[in-house]
Amino acid sequence: MADAAINPFAASSPLHPFDILLQLDQRIRHRTPVAAAGAQLSEIRGRLALRLGSWNLLFSMDDVTEIIPVPRITRVPGVKRWLLGIANLRGKVISVSDVRDFLTGRTTPRLPGSQVVVVRVGEWDYGLLVDEIIGMRHFGPQHRLPALDAVDASLRPYIIEAFLNDNQYWLAFNSGCLLADPAFLNAAN
């Protein structure tokens, strides 16, 4: 019991990395001053930061159901190359897509740090292959860029806002927009 007071991550069973990120997000939310509620909450609230090629993307924690190592993927015949196939996620079948290949026509190399971000729309889960998970990032209004003109044209339809912090650009990715895109939904050749 004393260990839990000293270390909030001490538990009787091991926590998954995603659970730790959620706990960190909750701790930060509890430390947010009451005056920061409302419109400013989205600016203070943490976002999952990841790398996809040269892009630093931010996903809303509301969209991400979990982060998993690249699973065993079964190829599906007759689909576009960017739809890598399907995978079994604890008895549930999900599709796994190479977002960079979808956006640019260049495949994502599978690196040791590669992971799959599982996002949910309605009842459906989709796996998105990414180069690496960076962690949580928080941005205030002082970091927001006024325009998205410098964002790569292939990525721009899926970006809702951009930030500059420590000389790095961070792009808030709208996974719902991607998953509603007819080009993404129609993966058949």
Foldseek 3Di string as FASTA:
>chain_A
DVVCVVPVLDDPDHDDPVVVLVVVQVVQVVVDDPVCPDPNCVQFGKFWWAAAPQAIETEHPVFFPDKFADADADDDPQFAVQFRHWDQDPNDIETEGAVCCLLPVDGGDADPAWIWTWGDDDHHIYTYIGRHTDGIDHHGPVFWDPDDVPPDPSQVVQFDTWGADPNDIYTYGRVVSQVPDPSNVRGGD
